[in-house]
Amino acid sequence: MNNNNKKIIIKEEFFQKKYVVLFLAIICTALWGSAFPFIKIGYELFNISGDDLFSKLLFAGLRFTLAGIVVLIYYYFTTKNFPKLKKENFKGLFLLGFIQTTLEYFFIYLGLFYTSGVKSNILNSSSVFIMVILAHFLFEDDKLDKSKIYGCFIGFLGVLLVNLDGLKSSFSLNGDIFIVLGASCFAIGSLIGKFISNKEDSIIITGYQLFLGGFILFIAGLLGGGKLIFTSLSSYMLLLYLILLSSLAFTIWTILLKYNNVGKISIFNFLTPLFGTIFSAIFLHENILEVKNIIALILVCIGIYIVNKWK
């Protein structure tokens, strides 16, 4: 066995260790959970109104384009090699960037203006169940069984519960459905990323998918007349945080999916709504003690745990 093969095996074993996966997954979900309230704060700092779609696209596009550049620069300085993309992987990476960055955040940035940070985080957890179901058809070692079916059912009860106002559903096209569509794009993108990661370096994948997907959003925002008004130092700092958040979280997530099966990693997404709820309470002063929110979060967590118990 040559040195390169030994390094690959050691790297694979490292990222499959229980406590390494746990630690990195917590970092990912904490960062993603914080994104929802900070995006809503960003709307206020950049004076973006509810009907100003193109400014929202410009906001998202600038964030992800710069995040992609940050990741690619990191790759260059750590490897001393230019992040060259293999020609045969370009189509797959473009598709990944378009789905997991352009479409996902088109829906999320649009939906966040119309729904609360707490509800957004709970609805976004539906990506777990979408990933589990799709993985059944794509991976031999990720087939659906009774526990996964029961878990998906219980988890979706939580997702639906948070949208009920008594017997009347508050599920609306203006916000909630957009968040679920964004979650679907994240799930599909994660699966595409797992396929591509077998042929390309995970950091290169993350950098180019963020850059390509973000650039499409940025151009769409510019062409539509979108504007970003930097009103204070806080607006610069918030944008910087969102850039670093995306760079770190997506890189870690791509690496975890490369070395582990989808079901094993997707279970940790239950932490995203928990972190999001906490951050929404801290920064948006939202009421998180409503009975339906607490029950919904409990159901979502139980559902994801049942889907893939880590034995």
Protein backbone atom coordinates (compact mmCIF):
# COMPACT_ATOMS: atom_id res chain seq x y z
CA MET A 1 0.00 0.00 0.00
CA ASN A 2 1.53 3.34 -1.06
CA ASN A 3 1.61 6.48 1.09
CA ASN A 4 -1.28 8.15 -0.77
CA ASN A 5 -3.61 5.21 -0.12
CA LYS A 6 -2.56 5.17 3.54
CA LYS A 7 -3.36 8.88 3.86
CA ILE A 8 -6.79 8.38 2.27
CA ILE A 9 -7.62 5.51 4.64
CA ILE A 10 -6.44 7.47 7.70
CA LYS A 11 -8.47 10.51 6.61
CA GLU A 12 -11.57 8.37 6.00
CA GLU A 13 -11.27 6.67 9.39
CA PHE A 14 -10.79 10.03 11.13
CA PHE A 15 -13.96 11.56 9.68
CA GLN A 16 -15.93 8.43 10.57
CA LYS A 17 -15.04 8.55 14.26
CA LYS A 18 -18.11 9.05 16.41
CA TYR A 19 -16.90 12.04 18.40
CA VAL A 20 -15.32 13.74 15.38
CA VAL A 21 -18.61 13.50 13.49
CA LEU A 22 -20.53 14.72 16.55
CA PHE A 23 -18.23 17.73 17.08
CA LEU A 24 -18.20 18.79 13.41
CA ALA A 25 -21.95 18.26 13.00
CA ILE A 26 -22.63 20.46 16.04
CA ILE A 27 -20.51 23.23 14.51
CA CYS A 28 -22.40 22.96 11.21
CA THR A 29 -25.86 22.99 12.72
CA ALA A 30 -25.07 25.79 15.15
CA LEU A 31 -23.84 27.97 12.28
CA TRP A 32 -26.87 27.18 10.11
CA GLY A 33 -29.22 27.72 13.03
CA SER A 34 -27.78 31.20 13.56
CA ALA A 35 -28.21 32.11 9.89
CA PHE A 36 -32.00 32.51 9.98
CA PRO A 37 -32.21 35.31 12.58
CA PHE A 38 -29.11 37.05 11.19
CA ILE A 39 -30.57 37.13 7.68
CA LYS A 40 -33.71 38.76 9.09
CA ILE A 41 -31.53 41.28 10.93
CA GLY A 42 -29.70 41.87 7.65
CA TYR A 43 -32.95 42.92 5.98
CA GLU A 44 -33.24 45.72 8.53
CA LEU A 45 -29.57 46.78 8.39
CA PHE A 46 -29.59 46.94 4.58
CA ASN A 47 -33.03 48.57 4.43
CA ILE A 48 -34.51 45.72 2.37
CA SER A 49 -38.30 45.84 2.29
CA GLY A 50 -40.60 42.84 2.02
CA ASP A 51 -41.40 43.28 -1.67
CA ASP A 52 -37.83 44.09 -2.73
CA LEU A 53 -37.01 40.66 -4.20
CA PHE A 54 -33.96 41.75 -6.19
CA SER A 55 -32.22 43.35 -3.22
CA LYS A 56 -32.71 40.07 -1.36
CA LEU A 57 -31.15 38.19 -4.26
CA LEU A 58 -28.26 40.66 -4.33
CA PHE A 59 -27.77 40.20 -0.57
CA ALA A 60 -27.70 36.40 -0.91
CA GLY A 61 -25.56 36.50 -4.04
CA LEU A 62 -22.88 38.72 -2.55
CA ARG A 63 -22.73 36.53 0.56
CA PHE A 64 -22.25 33.24 -1.30
CA THR A 65 -20.00 34.54 -4.07
CA LEU A 66 -17.57 35.91 -1.48
CA ALA A 67 -17.92 32.75 0.62
CA GLY A 68 -16.90 30.66 -2.37
CA ILE A 69 -13.86 32.88 -2.99
CA VAL A 70 -12.86 32.57 0.68
CA VAL A 71 -12.98 28.75 0.46
CA LEU A 72 -10.94 28.65 -2.75
CA ILE A 73 -8.32 31.04 -1.31
CA TYR A 74 -8.11 28.83 1.78
CA TYR A 75 -7.50 25.81 -0.46
CA TYR A 76 -4.73 27.61 -2.32
CA PHE A 77 -2.85 28.70 0.80
CA THR A 78 -3.17 25.33 2.56
CA THR A 79 -2.20 23.13 -0.42
CA LYS A 80 -0.04 25.56 -2.42
CA ASN A 81 -2.01 24.43 -5.47
CA PHE A 82 -4.48 26.37 -7.61
CA PRO A 83 -8.01 24.97 -7.05
CA LYS A 84 -8.29 23.55 -10.55
CA LEU A 85 -11.64 22.00 -11.37
CA LYS A 86 -11.68 18.77 -13.37
CA LYS A 87 -13.45 19.30 -16.69
CA GLU A 88 -15.67 16.24 -16.31
CA ASN A 89 -17.01 17.56 -12.98
CA PHE A 90 -18.04 21.02 -14.18
CA LYS A 91 -21.62 20.08 -15.13
CA GLY A 92 -22.20 18.35 -11.80
CA LEU A 93 -20.76 21.26 -9.83
CA PHE A 94 -22.80 23.79 -11.78
CA LEU A 95 -25.94 21.75 -11.04
CA LEU A 96 -24.94 21.53 -7.37
CA GLY A 97 -24.34 25.27 -7.13
CA PHE A 98 -27.60 26.08 -8.89
CA ILE A 99 -29.70 23.79 -6.67
CA GLN A 100 -27.98 24.08 -3.27
CA THR A 101 -27.09 27.76 -3.46
CA THR A 102 -29.10 29.60 -6.14
CA LEU A 103 -32.47 27.89 -5.75
CA GLU A 104 -32.19 27.03 -2.04
CA TYR A 105 -31.42 30.55 -0.93
CA PHE A 106 -33.75 32.15 -3.45
CA PHE A 107 -36.55 30.35 -1.60
CA ILE A 108 -35.11 30.86 1.90
CA TYR A 109 -34.35 34.58 1.57
CA LEU A 110 -37.80 35.14 0.11
CA GLY A 111 -39.56 33.03 2.74
CA LEU A 112 -37.72 34.46 5.74
CA PHE A 113 -39.31 37.87 5.34
CA TYR A 114 -42.78 36.41 5.72
CA THR A 115 -42.29 33.92 8.53
CA SER A 116 -40.62 33.87 11.94
CA GLY A 117 -37.09 32.65 12.63
CA VAL A 118 -38.43 29.92 14.94
CA LYS A 119 -40.87 28.55 12.37
CA SER A 120 -38.27 28.80 9.58
CA ASN A 121 -35.84 26.61 11.48
CA ILE A 122 -38.47 23.96 12.22
CA LEU A 123 -39.72 23.91 8.63
CA ASN A 124 -36.17 23.71 7.35
CA SER A 125 -35.69 20.46 9.28
CA SER A 126 -37.89 18.77 6.67
CA SER A 127 -34.70 18.43 4.63
CA VAL A 128 -33.76 15.50 6.88
CA PHE A 129 -36.75 13.44 5.82
CA ILE A 130 -36.36 14.36 2.17
CA MET A 131 -32.73 13.21 2.28
CA VAL A 132 -33.65 9.92 3.98
CA ILE A 133 -36.35 9.13 1.40
CA LEU A 134 -34.20 10.05 -1.62
CA ALA A 135 -31.22 8.12 -0.24
CA HIS A 136 -33.38 4.97 -0.30
CA PHE A 137 -33.44 5.11 -4.09
CA LEU A 138 -29.84 6.20 -4.58
CA PHE A 139 -27.71 4.27 -2.08
CA GLU A 140 -27.74 0.55 -1.35
CA ASP A 141 -26.78 1.01 2.32
CA ASP A 142 -29.46 3.63 3.04
CA LYS A 143 -32.70 1.74 2.44
CA LEU A 144 -35.95 2.73 4.14
CA ASP A 145 -37.14 0.50 6.98
CA LYS A 146 -39.97 0.70 9.54
CA SER A 147 -38.00 2.87 11.96
CA LYS A 148 -37.23 5.39 9.21
CA ILE A 149 -40.85 5.47 8.07
CA TYR A 150 -42.11 5.98 11.64
CA GLY A 151 -39.45 8.59 12.26
CA CYS A 152 -40.36 10.54 9.12
CA PHE A 153 -44.03 10.45 10.08
CA ILE A 154 -43.42 11.73 13.61
CA GLY A 155 -40.98 14.39 12.39
CA PHE A 156 -43.38 15.72 9.79
CA LEU A 157 -46.09 15.93 12.45
CA GLY A 158 -43.81 18.41 14.19
CA VAL A 159 -43.26 20.36 10.97
CA LEU A 160 -47.01 20.55 10.39
CA LEU A 161 -47.87 21.32 14.01
CA VAL A 162 -45.93 24.57 14.07
CA ASN A 163 -48.11 25.79 11.18
CA LEU A 164 -51.43 25.11 12.83
CA ASP A 165 -53.41 27.89 14.45
CA GLY A 166 -56.02 25.90 16.32
CA LEU A 167 -57.82 23.93 13.60
CA LYS A 168 -56.85 26.42 10.92
CA SER A 169 -53.56 25.93 9.09
CA SER A 170 -51.30 28.96 8.75
CA PHE A 171 -49.30 27.31 5.96
CA SER A 172 -48.97 29.98 3.29
CA LEU A 173 -47.33 30.53 -0.05
CA ASN A 174 -45.84 33.78 1.24
CA GLY A 175 -43.37 32.18 3.61
CA ASP A 176 -43.69 28.62 4.83
CA ILE A 177 -43.79 26.85 1.47
CA PHE A 178 -40.74 28.81 0.31
CA ILE A 179 -38.79 27.56 3.34
CA VAL A 180 -39.80 23.94 2.63
CA LEU A 181 -38.77 24.33 -1.02
CA GLY A 182 -35.41 25.67 0.17
CA ALA A 183 -35.04 22.66 2.47
CA SER A 184 -35.78 20.36 -0.49
CA CYS A 185 -33.03 22.01 -2.52
CA PHE A 186 -30.60 21.53 0.37
CA ALA A 187 -31.46 17.82 0.57
CA ILE A 188 -31.09 17.25 -3.17
CA GLY A 189 -27.87 19.27 -3.25
CA SER A 190 -26.39 17.25 -0.38
CA LEU A 191 -26.96 14.04 -2.34
CA ILE A 192 -25.45 15.50 -5.50
CA GLY A 193 -22.46 16.69 -3.45
CA LYS A 194 -21.93 13.19 -2.07
CA PHE A 195 -21.72 11.78 -5.60
CA ILE A 196 -19.30 14.46 -6.80
CA SER A 197 -17.09 14.24 -3.69
CA ASN A 198 -15.95 10.80 -4.83
CA LYS A 199 -14.34 12.43 -7.86
CA GLU A 200 -13.22 15.83 -6.53
CA ASP A 201 -11.71 17.42 -3.41
CA SER A 202 -14.41 18.43 -0.90
CA ILE A 203 -13.01 21.94 -0.41
CA ILE A 204 -12.90 22.58 -4.17
CA ILE A 205 -16.50 21.35 -4.46
CA THR A 206 -17.65 23.70 -1.71
CA GLY A 207 -15.77 26.70 -3.07
CA TYR A 208 -16.99 26.42 -6.64
CA GLN A 209 -20.59 25.51 -5.80
CA LEU A 210 -20.87 28.53 -3.48
CA PHE A 211 -19.22 30.82 -6.02
CA LEU A 212 -21.22 29.62 -9.05
CA GLY A 213 -24.56 29.53 -7.24
CA GLY A 214 -23.93 32.84 -5.51
CA PHE A 215 -22.82 34.57 -8.69
CA ILE A 216 -26.11 33.67 -10.41
CA LEU A 217 -28.03 35.22 -7.50
CA PHE A 218 -25.76 38.29 -7.55
CA ILE A 219 -26.23 38.92 -11.28
CA ALA A 220 -30.00 38.39 -11.03
CA GLY A 221 -30.13 40.91 -8.19
CA LEU A 222 -28.09 43.49 -10.11
CA LEU A 223 -30.09 43.10 -13.34
CA GLY A 224 -33.31 43.49 -11.38
CA GLY A 225 -32.16 46.75 -9.81
CA GLY A 226 -31.40 45.43 -6.35
CA LYS A 227 -29.43 47.60 -3.92
CA LEU A 228 -27.52 47.07 -0.70
CA ILE A 229 -27.09 50.11 1.53
CA PHE A 230 -24.34 49.70 4.10
CA THR A 231 -25.69 51.89 6.87
CA SER A 232 -23.18 51.13 9.64
CA LEU A 233 -20.25 49.01 10.76
CA SER A 234 -22.82 46.46 11.94
CA SER A 235 -23.93 45.82 8.36
CA TYR A 236 -20.34 45.03 7.30
CA MET A 237 -19.81 42.77 10.31
CA LEU A 238 -23.06 40.91 9.71
CA LEU A 239 -22.18 40.25 6.06
CA LEU A 240 -18.70 39.06 7.09
CA TYR A 241 -20.23 36.65 9.62
CA LEU A 242 -22.62 35.20 7.03
CA ILE A 243 -19.74 34.76 4.55
CA LEU A 244 -17.58 32.89 7.08
CA LEU A 245 -20.61 30.89 8.26
CA SER A 246 -21.29 29.61 4.74
CA SER A 247 -17.63 28.90 4.02
CA LEU A 248 -17.12 26.81 7.14
CA ALA A 249 -20.49 25.03 7.42
CA PHE A 250 -20.74 23.89 3.80
CA THR A 251 -17.11 22.71 3.73
CA ILE A 252 -17.58 20.62 6.87
CA TRP A 253 -20.92 19.22 5.67
CA THR A 254 -19.47 18.16 2.31
CA ILE A 255 -16.58 16.38 4.05
CA LEU A 256 -18.92 14.57 6.48
CA LEU A 257 -21.15 13.36 3.64
CA LYS A 258 -18.14 12.19 1.65
CA TYR A 259 -16.94 9.80 4.36
CA ASN A 260 -20.29 8.75 5.89
CA ASN A 261 -23.68 7.60 4.63
CA VAL A 262 -26.50 10.09 4.31
CA GLY A 263 -28.66 8.67 7.10
CA LYS A 264 -25.86 8.79 9.65
CA ILE A 265 -25.15 12.46 9.01
CA SER A 266 -28.68 13.74 8.36
CA ILE A 267 -29.76 12.84 11.90
CA PHE A 268 -27.74 15.76 13.24
CA ASN A 269 -29.89 18.26 11.38
CA PHE A 270 -32.29 18.12 14.32
CA LEU A 271 -29.84 20.45 16.06
CA THR A 272 -30.38 23.20 13.46
CA PRO A 273 -33.93 24.12 14.57
CA LEU A 274 -32.84 23.89 18.21
CA PHE A 275 -29.95 26.30 17.69
CA GLY A 276 -32.12 28.46 15.45
CA THR A 277 -34.82 28.73 18.11
CA ILE A 278 -32.25 29.78 20.71
CA PHE A 279 -30.65 32.39 18.44
CA SER A 280 -34.07 33.72 17.35
CA ALA A 281 -35.01 34.20 21.00
CA ILE A 282 -31.72 35.99 21.74
CA PHE A 283 -31.44 38.26 18.70
CA LEU A 284 -35.03 38.63 17.45
CA HIS A 285 -36.72 38.52 20.86
CA GLU A 286 -39.19 35.97 19.54
CA ASN A 287 -41.41 34.02 21.91
CA ILE A 288 -40.15 30.43 21.90
CA LEU A 289 -42.24 29.24 24.85
CA GLU A 290 -45.47 28.68 22.93
CA VAL A 291 -46.73 25.16 23.59
CA LYS A 292 -47.02 24.27 19.90
CA ASN A 293 -43.40 25.34 19.21
CA ILE A 294 -42.06 23.26 22.09
CA ILE A 295 -44.10 20.18 21.09
CA ALA A 296 -43.12 20.62 17.43
CA LEU A 297 -39.43 20.76 18.29
CA ILE A 298 -39.74 17.65 20.46
CA LEU A 299 -41.52 15.75 17.67
CA VAL A 300 -38.93 16.81 15.09
CA CYS A 301 -36.08 15.64 17.32
CA ILE A 302 -37.78 12.32 18.13
CA GLY A 303 -38.52 11.76 14.45
CA ILE A 304 -34.96 12.32 13.34
CA TYR A 305 -33.62 10.16 16.15
CA ILE A 306 -35.91 7.28 15.14
CA VAL A 307 -34.94 7.67 11.47
CA ASN A 308 -31.37 6.69 12.20
CA LYS A 309 -30.46 5.71 15.75
CA TRP A 310 -26.68 5.75 16.15
CA LYS A 311 -26.01 2.33 17.63
